Structures are given as structure tokens and as C-alpha cells.
Amino acid sequence: MSERAAPFHCPYCGEEDLRPSETGGHGAWECGGCARAFKLQFLGLLARPAATAPATATAPAHHRTSPPTPPRGAPDEPHRH
């Protein structure tokens, strides 16, 4: 990848009117919507625990579906009259 990724919206107001900051240095952006300046910085990769192994299923984990969980405080079975 030859270019760095740019933010799509302001993390404070959600506005998409962003431009690179001329005074903030590398990774600094200015929002035209809320007049805030912010800086993006890559901190590194997170270490995975040894017990967590990648899924072996064909679909990636974020594509898998699981049964919906009942709302908090809801009975496990429907009430029957």
C-alpha cells in the first residue's frame, strides 16, 4: 500500500469536512464542522493470548452468525397461558 489511510469523519462531531492540519505535524487533522484538531497515531499490534487461535471455519469470524441472545431479564422460554 503506497498511501496512508485518511479518516472519513471527525471522531468528535462526525462531520466529514476534514483536512490535514498544517501546524499539527504528521497525522494531524482539522475538522471544519466543530473546529477541533486531532491527531491519529498507530500504536502497534495487540498481542493475542496463546489460548486464542484463529478460527478454522471457512467463513471469517466477523461473518459468522450466532443465535440472538434474549434481552436482559427476559425469560428463557415464552410464557404460555
Protein backbone atom coordinates (compact mmCIF):
# COMPACT_ATOMS: atom_id res chain seq x y z
CA MET A 1 0.00 0.00 0.00
CA SER A 2 1.58 3.25 -1.07
CA GLU A 3 -0.72 5.80 0.63
CA ARG A 4 -1.72 6.15 4.25
CA ALA A 5 -5.36 5.86 5.16
CA ALA A 6 -7.20 9.07 5.97
CA PRO A 7 -10.07 9.44 8.45
CA PHE A 8 -13.54 9.59 6.93
CA HIS A 9 -15.19 11.57 9.73
CA CYS A 10 -14.36 13.61 12.81
CA PRO A 11 -14.20 11.48 15.97
CA TYR A 12 -15.84 14.31 17.95
CA CYS A 13 -18.77 15.51 15.82
CA GLY A 14 -18.97 13.01 12.93
CA GLU A 15 -18.57 15.70 10.26
CA GLU A 16 -16.81 14.71 7.03
CA ASP A 17 -15.26 18.15 6.39
CA LEU A 18 -11.69 17.17 7.29
CA ARG A 19 -8.37 18.48 6.05
CA PRO A 20 -4.77 17.79 7.02
CA SER A 21 -3.51 20.19 9.68
CA GLU A 22 -0.70 22.44 8.55
CA THR A 23 0.53 23.06 12.10
CA GLY A 24 -0.15 19.75 13.86
CA GLY A 25 2.51 17.67 12.16
CA HIS A 26 2.25 14.15 10.77
CA GLY A 27 -1.16 12.53 11.29
CA ALA A 28 -2.88 15.75 12.42
CA TRP A 29 -6.28 16.71 11.02
CA GLU A 30 -8.63 19.68 11.35
CA CYS A 31 -12.43 19.46 11.31
CA GLY A 32 -14.31 22.26 9.55
CA GLY A 33 -17.53 21.31 11.34
CA CYS A 34 -16.53 21.65 15.01
CA ALA A 35 -13.19 23.49 14.59
CA ARG A 36 -11.31 20.78 16.50
CA ALA A 37 -7.87 19.47 15.64
CA PHE A 38 -6.91 15.88 16.35
CA LYS A 39 -4.04 13.54 15.67
CA LEU A 40 -4.09 9.92 14.52
CA GLN A 41 -1.26 7.65 15.52
CA PHE A 42 -0.68 3.94 15.04
CA LEU A 43 0.36 2.47 18.38
CA GLY A 44 1.18 -1.09 17.30
CA LEU A 45 -0.32 -4.53 17.07
CA LEU A 46 -2.08 -6.13 20.01
CA ALA A 47 -0.66 -9.38 21.30
CA ARG A 48 -3.07 -12.29 21.07
CA PRO A 49 -3.36 -14.61 24.07
CA ALA A 50 -1.80 -18.03 23.40
CA ALA A 51 -5.15 -19.78 24.01
CA THR A 52 -6.86 -17.79 21.26
CA ALA A 53 -6.26 -19.48 17.94
CA PRO A 54 -7.59 -18.31 14.59
CA ALA A 55 -10.91 -19.87 13.59
CA THR A 56 -10.68 -22.85 11.27
CA ALA A 57 -14.13 -22.43 9.73
CA THR A 58 -14.42 -21.30 6.13
CA ALA A 59 -16.14 -18.00 6.99
CA PRO A 60 -14.21 -15.32 8.88
CA ALA A 61 -15.30 -14.85 12.49
CA HIS A 62 -16.97 -11.49 11.80
CA HIS A 63 -19.17 -13.14 9.12
CA ARG A 64 -20.44 -15.98 11.28
CA THR A 65 -23.89 -15.79 12.76
CA SER A 66 -24.98 -16.95 16.16
CA PRO A 67 -28.45 -17.22 17.66
CA PRO A 68 -29.69 -13.95 19.14
CA THR A 69 -29.36 -13.57 22.87
CA PRO A 70 -32.57 -12.80 24.74
CA PRO A 71 -32.85 -9.32 26.22
CA ARG A 72 -31.61 -8.92 29.76
CA GLY A 73 -34.28 -10.03 32.23
CA ALA A 74 -36.30 -11.87 29.57
CA PRO A 75 -37.47 -15.41 30.38
CA ASP A 76 -35.68 -18.25 28.63
CA GLU A 77 -38.93 -19.73 27.34
CA PRO A 78 -42.06 -17.95 26.12
CA HIS A 79 -44.87 -17.63 28.67
CA ARG A 80 -47.80 -19.88 27.86
CA HIS A 81 -51.37 -19.41 29.09
